[in-house]
């Protein structure tokens, strides 16, 4: 199988590319800064992509986008939105015009689509919520419509927090927790949806070859933040008794803190389960033990 990947140097993209290549698949990186002869150059801001270089690929995995893990200034908000909408639009448009288009386009997405929903159980069919991330995801997913209209199967991977010691949210939490300064965020009652990096890569590979179509929740479990903090402290053999008050989160991190740390999203992956996908780590204690042991 020939698979083109954007965001191939990110946390998920790097591991996905490595795993596919290890199993004998040809991986083509779509990047703004080519480092290898086989890399394909693109510029989402201008809509340019060397389409001829990806003509005939079996699949495209689109992972590129500005990181959301930073304070959301007006300019940052614009970059977060534009990088996703312009990037997805470029990929979808070029793919739809290829003489030999891919059979599937698997796009990154996020559970931020659901907004802050308290204890409501959120399935793949739940309506979108309110907030900046919900608006971003709605526009992000809609940008893939040209590919879908051309008959390409399009999958939107609404993933939760990807747990890895090599990057993402967990890596940022490790130092304070190791210093004994970790604890719940705000009330600690908000639900945090999560999955391990291994499971994220496995889910993307499943989406490449299964009949999965449309938006799917990619979440191994949802855990209240206080229980997440307790589990992380246990895994590191450190106390987790230093709470981070909600007012401090709002003051220091603004809207980003409200939507990413204090918001509650009790998400489950009903569609992937129905189609036969099984997550490897389904409890937060086992997931953190696995991640911190495996690296």
C-alpha atoms as a PDB file:
ATOM      1  CA  UNK A   1       0.000   0.000   0.000  1.00  0.00           C
ATOM      2  CA  UNK A   2       1.197   3.514  -0.856  1.00  0.00           C
ATOM      3  CA  UNK A   3       0.221   6.022   1.827  1.00  0.00           C
ATOM      4  CA  UNK A   4       0.815   9.785   1.719  1.00  0.00           C
ATOM      5  CA  UNK A   5       0.945  11.511   5.115  1.00  0.00           C
ATOM      6  CA  UNK A   6       0.835  15.167   6.149  1.00  0.00           C
ATOM      7  CA  UNK A   7       2.072  16.004   9.638  1.00  0.00           C
ATOM      8  CA  UNK A   8       4.469  13.061   9.369  1.00  0.00           C
ATOM      9  CA  UNK A   9       6.874  14.628  11.854  1.00  0.00           C
ATOM     10  CA  UNK A  10       4.253  15.029  14.578  1.00  0.00           C
ATOM     11  CA  UNK A  11       3.595  12.675  17.487  1.00  0.00           C
ATOM     12  CA  UNK A  12       1.096  10.404  15.706  1.00  0.00           C
ATOM     13  CA  UNK A  13       2.396  10.905  12.175  1.00  0.00           C
ATOM     14  CA  UNK A  14       5.953   9.924  13.006  1.00  0.00           C
ATOM     15  CA  UNK A  15       4.920   6.644  14.663  1.00  0.00           C
ATOM     16  CA  UNK A  16       2.310   5.858  12.016  1.00  0.00           C
ATOM     17  CA  UNK A  17       4.834   6.353   9.219  1.00  0.00           C
ATOM     18  CA  UNK A  18       7.409   4.210  10.990  1.00  0.00           C
ATOM     19  CA  UNK A  19       4.937   1.396  11.601  1.00  0.00           C
ATOM     20  CA  UNK A  20       3.661   1.398   8.015  1.00  0.00           C
ATOM     21  CA  UNK A  21       7.185   1.425   6.581  1.00  0.00           C
ATOM     22  CA  UNK A  22       8.235  -1.376   8.930  1.00  0.00           C
ATOM     23  CA  UNK A  23       5.412  -3.516   7.544  1.00  0.00           C
ATOM     24  CA  UNK A  24       6.527  -2.937   3.969  1.00  0.00           C
ATOM     25  CA  UNK A  25       4.219  -0.112   2.908  1.00  0.00           C
ATOM     26  CA  UNK A  26       5.508   2.872   0.956  1.00  0.00           C
ATOM     27  CA  UNK A  27       5.165   6.098   2.943  1.00  0.00           C
ATOM     28  CA  UNK A  28       5.229   9.448   1.141  1.00  0.00           C
ATOM     29  CA  UNK A  29       5.587  12.515   3.341  1.00  0.00           C
ATOM     30  CA  UNK A  30       3.761  15.685   2.291  1.00  0.00           C
ATOM     31  CA  UNK A  31       5.639  18.565   3.895  1.00  0.00           C
ATOM     32  CA  UNK A  32       6.445  22.244   3.585  1.00  0.00           C
ATOM     33  CA  UNK A  33      10.111  21.562   4.300  1.00  0.00           C
ATOM     34  CA  UNK A  34      11.313  18.526   2.294  1.00  0.00           C
ATOM     35  CA  UNK A  35      14.226  16.619   3.783  1.00  0.00           C
ATOM     36  CA  UNK A  36      14.181  13.485   1.628  1.00  0.00           C
ATOM     37  CA  UNK A  37      14.072  13.046  -2.175  1.00  0.00           C
ATOM     38  CA  UNK A  38      10.656  11.338  -1.983  1.00  0.00           C
ATOM     39  CA  UNK A  39       9.069  14.126   0.113  1.00  0.00           C
ATOM     40  CA  UNK A  40       6.229  15.993  -1.609  1.00  0.00           C
ATOM     41  CA  UNK A  41       6.101  19.775  -1.190  1.00  0.00           C
ATOM     42  CA  UNK A  42       2.912  21.647  -0.354  1.00  0.00           C
ATOM     43  CA  UNK A  43       1.806  25.026   0.970  1.00  0.00           C
ATOM     44  CA  UNK A  44      -1.669  24.937   2.533  1.00  0.00           C
ATOM     45  CA  UNK A  45      -1.825  28.732   2.751  1.00  0.00           C
ATOM     46  CA  UNK A  46      -1.667  29.053  -1.038  1.00  0.00           C
ATOM     47  CA  UNK A  47      -3.387  25.773  -1.843  1.00  0.00           C
ATOM     48  CA  UNK A  48      -0.380  24.388  -3.714  1.00  0.00           C
ATOM     49  CA  UNK A  49       0.577  20.706  -3.704  1.00  0.00           C
ATOM     50  CA  UNK A  50       2.559  18.604  -6.168  1.00  0.00           C
ATOM     51  CA  UNK A  51      -0.434  16.476  -7.108  1.00  0.00           C
ATOM     52  CA  UNK A  52       1.371  14.464  -9.757  1.00  0.00           C
ATOM     53  CA  UNK A  53       3.686  13.137  -7.041  1.00  0.00           C
ATOM     54  CA  UNK A  54       0.802  11.528  -5.145  1.00  0.00           C
ATOM     55  CA  UNK A  55      -1.266  10.355  -8.112  1.00  0.00           C
ATOM     56  CA  UNK A  56      -2.014   6.673  -7.599  1.00  0.00           C
ATOM     57  CA  UNK A  57      -1.496   6.515  -3.838  1.00  0.00           C
ATOM     58  CA  UNK A  58      -3.892   4.151  -2.083  1.00  0.00           C
ATOM     59  CA  UNK A  59      -4.573   6.453   0.849  1.00  0.00           C
ATOM     60  CA  UNK A  60      -3.876   9.883   2.317  1.00  0.00           C
ATOM     61  CA  UNK A  61      -3.606  10.482   6.050  1.00  0.00           C
ATOM     62  CA  UNK A  62      -3.959  14.158   6.866  1.00  0.00           C
ATOM     63  CA  UNK A  63      -2.584  15.086  10.298  1.00  0.00           C
ATOM     64  CA  UNK A  64      -1.038  18.545   9.826  1.00  0.00           C
ATOM     65  CA  UNK A  65      -2.271  21.556  11.797  1.00  0.00           C
ATOM     66  CA  UNK A  66      -1.148  24.300  14.164  1.00  0.00           C
ATOM     67  CA  UNK A  67      -0.846  23.051  17.735  1.00  0.00           C
ATOM     68  CA  UNK A  68      -3.752  23.988  20.019  1.00  0.00           C
ATOM     69  CA  UNK A  69      -1.635  23.599  23.172  1.00  0.00           C
ATOM     70  CA  UNK A  70      -0.741  27.281  23.493  1.00  0.00           C
ATOM     71  CA  UNK A  71      -2.427  30.457  24.687  1.00  0.00           C
ATOM     72  CA  UNK A  72      -5.078  31.486  22.177  1.00  0.00           C
ATOM     73  CA  UNK A  73      -4.332  35.025  21.088  1.00  0.00           C
ATOM     74  CA  UNK A  74      -6.260  36.436  18.137  1.00  0.00           C
ATOM     75  CA  UNK A  75      -3.415  35.519  15.775  1.00  0.00           C
ATOM     76  CA  UNK A  76      -3.054  32.044  17.286  1.00  0.00           C
ATOM     77  CA  UNK A  77      -6.771  31.373  16.887  1.00  0.00           C
ATOM     78  CA  UNK A  78      -6.525  32.345  13.236  1.00  0.00           C
ATOM     79  CA  UNK A  79      -3.538  30.037  12.653  1.00  0.00           C
ATOM     80  CA  UNK A  80      -5.280  27.125  14.403  1.00  0.00           C
ATOM     81  CA  UNK A  81      -8.372  27.533  12.222  1.00  0.00           C
ATOM     82  CA  UNK A  82      -6.679  28.387   8.932  1.00  0.00           C
ATOM     83  CA  UNK A  83      -4.065  25.619   9.141  1.00  0.00           C
ATOM     84  CA  UNK A  84      -6.814  23.032   9.452  1.00  0.00           C
ATOM     85  CA  UNK A  85      -9.361  24.396   7.008  1.00  0.00           C
ATOM     86  CA  UNK A  86      -6.848  25.441   4.338  1.00  0.00           C
ATOM     87  CA  UNK A  87      -4.795  22.275   4.727  1.00  0.00           C
ATOM     88  CA  UNK A  88      -7.784  19.935   4.558  1.00  0.00           C
ATOM     89  CA  UNK A  89      -9.282  21.904   1.685  1.00  0.00           C
ATOM     90  CA  UNK A  90      -6.050  21.668  -0.291  1.00  0.00           C
ATOM     91  CA  UNK A  91      -5.686  17.922   0.287  1.00  0.00           C
ATOM     92  CA  UNK A  92      -9.345  17.247  -0.537  1.00  0.00           C
ATOM     93  CA  UNK A  93      -9.342  19.361  -3.694  1.00  0.00           C
ATOM     94  CA  UNK A  94      -6.109  17.925  -5.089  1.00  0.00           C
ATOM     95  CA  UNK A  95      -7.145  14.362  -4.236  1.00  0.00           C
ATOM     96  CA  UNK A  96     -10.477  14.815  -5.985  1.00  0.00           C
ATOM     97  CA  UNK A  97      -8.748  15.956  -9.183  1.00  0.00           C
ATOM     98  CA  UNK A  98      -6.192  13.154  -9.486  1.00  0.00           C
ATOM     99  CA  UNK A  99      -6.525  10.793 -12.416  1.00  0.00           C
ATOM    100  CA  UNK A 100      -5.990   7.933  -9.949  1.00  0.00           C
ATOM    101  CA  UNK A 101      -7.421   9.248  -6.664  1.00  0.00           C
ATOM    102  CA  UNK A 102      -6.892   7.495  -3.337  1.00  0.00           C
ATOM    103  CA  UNK A 103      -9.604   5.180  -2.083  1.00  0.00           C
ATOM    104  CA  UNK A 104      -9.591   6.802   1.367  1.00  0.00           C
ATOM    105  CA  UNK A 105      -8.703  10.091   3.054  1.00  0.00           C
ATOM    106  CA  UNK A 106      -8.242   9.742   6.816  1.00  0.00           C
ATOM    107  CA  UNK A 107      -8.255  13.139   8.526  1.00  0.00           C
ATOM    108  CA  UNK A 108      -7.319  14.088  12.051  1.00  0.00           C
ATOM    109  CA  UNK A 109     -10.126  15.639  14.078  1.00  0.00           C
ATOM    110  CA  UNK A 110     -10.840  16.124  17.777  1.00  0.00           C
ATOM    111  CA  UNK A 111     -13.371  15.573  20.553  1.00  0.00           C
ATOM    112  CA  UNK A 112     -13.306  19.348  20.961  1.00  0.00           C
ATOM    113  CA  UNK A 113     -16.236  19.166  18.530  1.00  0.00           C
ATOM    114  CA  UNK A 114     -18.528  18.352  21.456  1.00  0.00           C
ATOM    115  CA  UNK A 115     -17.687  21.359  23.639  1.00  0.00           C
ATOM    116  CA  UNK A 116     -18.171  21.329  27.418  1.00  0.00           C
ATOM    117  CA  UNK A 117     -20.947  18.772  28.072  1.00  0.00           C
ATOM    118  CA  UNK A 118     -20.726  17.835  31.761  1.00  0.00           C
ATOM    119  CA  UNK A 119     -21.738  14.209  32.418  1.00  0.00           C
ATOM    120  CA  UNK A 120     -23.560  13.702  29.112  1.00  0.00           C
ATOM    121  CA  UNK A 121     -22.469  10.511  27.360  1.00  0.00           C
ATOM    122  CA  UNK A 122     -21.207  11.492  23.905  1.00  0.00           C
ATOM    123  CA  UNK A 123     -21.286   8.983  21.058  1.00  0.00           C
ATOM    124  CA  UNK A 124     -20.226   9.328  17.426  1.00  0.00           C
ATOM    125  CA  UNK A 125     -23.739  10.567  16.605  1.00  0.00           C
ATOM    126  CA  UNK A 126     -23.947  13.272  19.291  1.00  0.00           C
ATOM    127  CA  UNK A 127     -24.459  16.851  18.158  1.00  0.00           C
ATOM    128  CA  UNK A 128     -21.643  19.385  18.213  1.00  0.00           C
ATOM    129  CA  UNK A 129     -21.242  21.779  21.094  1.00  0.00           C
ATOM    130  CA  UNK A 130     -20.223  25.380  21.567  1.00  0.00           C
ATOM    131  CA  UNK A 131     -16.860  27.072  21.802  1.00  0.00           C
ATOM    132  CA  UNK A 132     -13.842  27.804  19.655  1.00  0.00           C
ATOM    133  CA  UNK A 133     -12.752  24.175  19.269  1.00  0.00           C
ATOM    134  CA  UNK A 134     -16.256  23.107  18.283  1.00  0.00           C
ATOM    135  CA  UNK A 135     -16.281  25.788  15.593  1.00  0.00           C
ATOM    136  CA  UNK A 136     -12.826  24.753  14.377  1.00  0.00           C
ATOM    137  CA  UNK A 137     -13.710  21.061  14.117  1.00  0.00           C
ATOM    138  CA  UNK A 138     -16.965  21.791  12.286  1.00  0.00           C
ATOM    139  CA  UNK A 139     -15.152  23.857   9.642  1.00  0.00           C
ATOM    140  CA  UNK A 140     -12.202  21.437   9.566  1.00  0.00           C
ATOM    141  CA  UNK A 141     -14.366  18.425   8.771  1.00  0.00           C
ATOM    142  CA  UNK A 142     -16.492  20.325   6.244  1.00  0.00           C
ATOM    143  CA  UNK A 143     -13.342  21.257   4.296  1.00  0.00           C
ATOM    144  CA  UNK A 144     -12.953  17.617   3.199  1.00  0.00           C
ATOM    145  CA  UNK A 145     -16.223  17.696   1.228  1.00  0.00           C
ATOM    146  CA  UNK A 146     -14.562  17.886  -2.253  1.00  0.00           C
ATOM    147  CA  UNK A 147     -12.953  14.494  -1.628  1.00  0.00           C
ATOM    148  CA  UNK A 148     -16.204  12.951  -0.440  1.00  0.00           C
ATOM    149  CA  UNK A 149     -18.084  14.390  -3.431  1.00  0.00           C
ATOM    150  CA  UNK A 150     -15.524  12.738  -5.715  1.00  0.00           C
ATOM    151  CA  UNK A 151     -16.323   9.327  -4.226  1.00  0.00           C
ATOM    152  CA  UNK A 152     -13.342   9.080  -1.884  1.00  0.00           C
ATOM    153  CA  UNK A 153     -14.101   7.493   1.489  1.00  0.00           C
ATOM    154  CA  UNK A 154     -13.417  10.160   4.126  1.00  0.00           C
ATOM    155  CA  UNK A 155     -12.870   9.396   7.804  1.00  0.00           C
ATOM    156  CA  UNK A 156     -12.658  12.070  10.523  1.00  0.00           C
ATOM    157  CA  UNK A 157     -10.763  10.761  13.565  1.00  0.00           C
ATOM    158  CA  UNK A 158     -12.178  12.633  16.566  1.00  0.00           C
ATOM    159  CA  UNK A 159      -9.475  11.616  18.986  1.00  0.00           C
ATOM    160  CA  UNK A 160      -9.067  12.409  22.661  1.00  0.00           C
ATOM    161  CA  UNK A 161      -5.846  13.111  24.569  1.00  0.00           C
ATOM    162  CA  UNK A 162      -3.085  10.955  23.058  1.00  0.00           C
ATOM    163  CA  UNK A 163      -0.957   9.592  25.903  1.00  0.00           C
ATOM    164  CA  UNK A 164       2.773   9.406  25.210  1.00  0.00           C
ATOM    165  CA  UNK A 165       5.836  10.334  27.222  1.00  0.00           C
ATOM    166  CA  UNK A 166       7.364  11.635  23.978  1.00  0.00           C
ATOM    167  CA  UNK A 167       4.929  14.477  23.387  1.00  0.00           C
ATOM    168  CA  UNK A 168       1.466  15.904  23.822  1.00  0.00           C
ATOM    169  CA  UNK A 169      -0.329  16.702  27.071  1.00  0.00           C
ATOM    170  CA  UNK A 170       1.174  13.877  29.120  1.00  0.00           C
ATOM    171  CA  UNK A 171       4.734  14.979  28.487  1.00  0.00           C
ATOM    172  CA  UNK A 172       3.874  18.419  29.894  1.00  0.00           C
ATOM    173  CA  UNK A 173       2.349  16.864  33.002  1.00  0.00           C
ATOM    174  CA  UNK A 174       5.258  14.571  33.813  1.00  0.00           C
ATOM    175  CA  UNK A 175       7.644  17.138  35.346  1.00  0.00           C
ATOM    176  CA  UNK A 176       5.236  18.700  37.883  1.00  0.00           C
ATOM    177  CA  UNK A 177       3.926  15.271  38.866  1.00  0.00           C
ATOM    178  CA  UNK A 178       7.442  13.882  39.265  1.00  0.00           C
ATOM    179  CA  UNK A 179       8.233  16.844  41.519  1.00  0.00           C
ATOM    180  CA  UNK A 180       5.198  16.051  43.646  1.00  0.00           C
ATOM    181  CA  UNK A 181       3.403  19.185  42.422  1.00  0.00           C
ATOM    182  CA  UNK A 182       0.664  17.466  40.425  1.00  0.00           C
ATOM    183  CA  UNK A 183      -3.010  17.138  41.183  1.00  0.00           C
ATOM    184  CA  UNK A 184      -6.507  17.658  39.870  1.00  0.00           C
ATOM    185  CA  UNK A 185      -7.386  20.647  37.687  1.00  0.00           C
ATOM    186  CA  UNK A 186     -10.282  22.750  38.944  1.00  0.00           C
ATOM    187  CA  UNK A 187     -12.994  20.608  40.542  1.00  0.00           C
ATOM    188  CA  UNK A 188     -11.492  17.468  39.026  1.00  0.00           C
ATOM    189  CA  UNK A 189     -14.988  16.279  38.057  1.00  0.00           C
ATOM    190  CA  UNK A 190     -14.585  17.039  34.356  1.00  0.00           C
ATOM    191  CA  UNK A 191     -14.221  14.043  32.061  1.00  0.00           C
ATOM    192  CA  UNK A 192     -10.986  13.708  30.074  1.00  0.00           C
ATOM    193  CA  UNK A 193     -11.181  11.368  27.031  1.00  0.00           C
ATOM    194  CA  UNK A 194      -7.899   9.627  26.260  1.00  0.00           C
ATOM    195  CA  UNK A 195      -6.069   6.868  24.371  1.00  0.00           C
ATOM    196  CA  UNK A 196      -2.469   5.679  24.153  1.00  0.00           C
ATOM    197  CA  UNK A 197      -0.230   6.508  21.212  1.00  0.00           C
ATOM    198  CA  UNK A 198      -0.118   2.804  20.324  1.00  0.00           C
ATOM    199  CA  UNK A 199      -3.910   2.738  20.108  1.00  0.00           C
ATOM    200  CA  UNK A 200      -4.013   5.972  18.109  1.00  0.00           C
ATOM    201  CA  UNK A 201      -1.695   4.479  15.484  1.00  0.00           C
ATOM    202  CA  UNK A 202      -3.668   1.224  15.458  1.00  0.00           C
ATOM    203  CA  UNK A 203      -6.934   3.146  14.977  1.00  0.00           C
ATOM    204  CA  UNK A 204      -5.533   5.066  12.010  1.00  0.00           C
ATOM    205  CA  UNK A 205      -4.350   1.837  10.428  1.00  0.00           C
ATOM    206  CA  UNK A 206      -7.780   0.298  11.007  1.00  0.00           C
ATOM    207  CA  UNK A 207      -9.422   3.283   9.306  1.00  0.00           C
ATOM    208  CA  UNK A 208      -7.187   2.826   6.262  1.00  0.00           C
ATOM    209  CA  UNK A 209      -8.423  -0.683   5.500  1.00  0.00           C
ATOM    210  CA  UNK A 210     -11.869  -0.994   7.104  1.00  0.00           C
ATOM    211  CA  UNK A 211     -15.211   0.314   5.885  1.00  0.00           C
ATOM    212  CA  UNK A 212     -15.182   3.120   8.472  1.00  0.00           C
ATOM    213  CA  UNK A 213     -16.676   6.302   7.056  1.00  0.00           C
ATOM    214  CA  UNK A 214     -17.440   9.791   8.347  1.00  0.00           C
ATOM    215  CA  UNK A 215     -16.757  11.044  11.891  1.00  0.00           C
ATOM    216  CA  UNK A 216     -15.631   8.463  14.456  1.00  0.00           C
ATOM    217  CA  UNK A 217     -14.703   8.929  18.095  1.00  0.00           C
ATOM    218  CA  UNK A 218     -11.206   7.619  18.779  1.00  0.00           C
ATOM    219  CA  UNK A 219     -11.185   7.285  22.563  1.00  0.00           C
ATOM    220  CA  UNK A 220     -10.227   4.268  24.683  1.00  0.00           C
ATOM    221  CA  UNK A 221     -11.857   5.696  27.791  1.00  0.00           C
ATOM    222  CA  UNK A 222     -13.015   8.838  29.561  1.00  0.00           C
ATOM    223  CA  UNK A 223     -11.829   9.468  33.093  1.00  0.00           C
ATOM    224  CA  UNK A 224     -12.657  12.213  35.565  1.00  0.00           C
ATOM    225  CA  UNK A 225      -9.694  14.547  35.885  1.00  0.00           C
ATOM    226  CA  UNK A 226      -9.238  13.823  39.580  1.00  0.00           C
ATOM    227  CA  UNK A 227      -8.986  10.087  38.820  1.00  0.00           C
ATOM    228  CA  UNK A 228      -6.581  10.814  35.966  1.00  0.00           C
ATOM    229  CA  UNK A 229      -4.349  12.769  38.372  1.00  0.00           C
ATOM    230  CA  UNK A 230      -4.532   9.981  40.949  1.00  0.00           C
ATOM    231  CA  UNK A 231      -3.608   7.368  38.325  1.00  0.00           C
ATOM    232  CA  UNK A 232      -0.668   9.423  37.045  1.00  0.00           C
ATOM    233  CA  UNK A 233       0.622   9.953  40.563  1.00  0.00           C
ATOM    234  CA  UNK A 234       0.314   6.224  41.225  1.00  0.00           C
ATOM    235  CA  UNK A 235       2.158   5.341  38.010  1.00  0.00           C
ATOM    236  CA  UNK A 236       4.997   7.706  38.964  1.00  0.00           C
ATOM    237  CA  UNK A 237       4.866   6.722  42.657  1.00  0.00           C
ATOM    238  CA  UNK A 238       4.373  10.330  43.614  1.00  0.00           C
ATOM    239  CA  UNK A 239       1.602  12.140  45.493  1.00  0.00           C
ATOM    240  CA  UNK A 240      -1.021  13.971  43.445  1.00  0.00           C
ATOM    241  CA  UNK A 241      -2.365  16.317  46.072  1.00  0.00           C
ATOM    242  CA  UNK A 242      -1.561  19.762  44.659  1.00  0.00           C
ATOM    243  CA  UNK A 243      -4.723  20.975  42.877  1.00  0.00           C
ATOM    244  CA  UNK A 244      -4.593  23.641  40.200  1.00  0.00           C
ATOM    245  CA  UNK A 245      -7.535  25.985  40.949  1.00  0.00           C
ATOM    246  CA  UNK A 246      -9.859  26.850  38.086  1.00  0.00           C
ATOM    247  CA  UNK A 247      -9.376  30.634  38.511  1.00  0.00           C
ATOM    248  CA  UNK A 248      -5.623  30.165  38.070  1.00  0.00           C
ATOM    249  CA  UNK A 249      -6.194  28.130  34.894  1.00  0.00           C
ATOM    250  CA  UNK A 250      -8.478  30.810  33.473  1.00  0.00           C
ATOM    251  CA  UNK A 251      -6.059  33.610  34.371  1.00  0.00           C
ATOM    252  CA  UNK A 252      -2.903  31.891  33.130  1.00  0.00           C
ATOM    253  CA  UNK A 253      -4.262  30.085  30.072  1.00  0.00           C
ATOM    254  CA  UNK A 254      -7.409  31.961  29.143  1.00  0.00           C
ATOM    255  CA  UNK A 255      -9.828  30.370  26.704  1.00  0.00           C
ATOM    256  CA  UNK A 256      -7.449  27.518  25.944  1.00  0.00           C
ATOM    257  CA  UNK A 257      -7.443  26.480  29.603  1.00  0.00           C
ATOM    258  CA  UNK A 258     -11.226  26.658  29.820  1.00  0.00           C
ATOM    259  CA  UNK A 259     -11.795  24.514  26.740  1.00  0.00           C
ATOM    260  CA  UNK A 260      -8.930  22.041  27.044  1.00  0.00           C
ATOM    261  CA  UNK A 261      -8.429  21.590  30.793  1.00  0.00           C
ATOM    262  CA  UNK A 262     -11.688  22.528  32.484  1.00  0.00           C
ATOM    263  CA  UNK A 263     -14.205  21.354  29.861  1.00  0.00           C
ATOM    264  CA  UNK A 264     -15.905  17.997  30.412  1.00  0.00           C
ATOM    265  CA  UNK A 265     -16.263  15.500  27.548  1.00  0.00           C
ATOM    266  CA  UNK A 266     -17.475  12.006  28.424  1.00  0.00           C
ATOM    267  CA  UNK A 267     -16.850  10.400  25.046  1.00  0.00           C
ATOM    268  CA  UNK A 268     -17.088   6.777  23.950  1.00  0.00           C
ATOM    269  CA  UNK A 269     -16.107   5.076  20.672  1.00  0.00           C
ATOM    270  CA  UNK A 270     -19.258   3.187  19.753  1.00  0.00           C
ATOM    271  CA  UNK A 271     -18.724   3.118  15.987  1.00  0.00           C
ATOM    272  CA  UNK A 272     -15.168   1.768  16.017  1.00  0.00           C
ATOM    273  CA  UNK A 273     -16.205  -0.924  18.492  1.00  0.00           C
ATOM    274  CA  UNK A 274     -19.152  -1.938  16.304  1.00  0.00           C
ATOM    275  CA  UNK A 275     -16.829  -2.285  13.315  1.00  0.00           C
ATOM    276  CA  UNK A 276     -14.479  -4.597  15.192  1.00  0.00           C
ATOM    277  CA  UNK A 277     -11.715  -2.331  16.481  1.00  0.00           C
ATOM    278  CA  UNK A 278     -10.479  -3.031  20.018  1.00  0.00           C
ATOM    279  CA  UNK A 279      -8.333  -0.655  22.055  1.00  0.00           C
ATOM    280  CA  UNK A 280      -5.339  -2.227  23.767  1.00  0.00           C
ATOM    281  CA  UNK A 281      -5.503  -0.142  26.949  1.00  0.00           C
ATOM    282  CA  UNK A 282      -8.998   0.503  28.310  1.00  0.00           C
ATOM    283  CA  UNK A 283      -8.328   1.627  31.897  1.00  0.00           C
ATOM    284  CA  UNK A 284      -6.356   4.726  32.752  1.00  0.00           C
ATOM    285  CA  UNK A 285      -4.146   2.850  35.239  1.00  0.00           C
ATOM    286  CA  UNK A 286      -3.098   0.279  32.635  1.00  0.00           C
ATOM    287  CA  UNK A 287      -2.738   2.913  29.940  1.00  0.00           C
ATOM    288  CA  UNK A 288      -0.390   5.096  31.988  1.00  0.00           C
ATOM    289  CA  UNK A 289       1.595   2.112  33.219  1.00  0.00           C
ATOM    290  CA  UNK A 290       2.021   0.947  29.617  1.00  0.00           C
ATOM    291  CA  UNK A 291       2.970   4.386  28.285  1.00  0.00           C
ATOM    292  CA  UNK A 292       5.470   5.160  31.027  1.00  0.00           C
ATOM    293  CA  UNK A 293       7.019   1.713  30.758  1.00  0.00           C
ATOM    294  CA  UNK A 294       7.156   1.558  26.965  1.00  0.00           C
ATOM    295  CA  UNK A 295       8.366   5.096  26.339  1.00  0.00           C
END
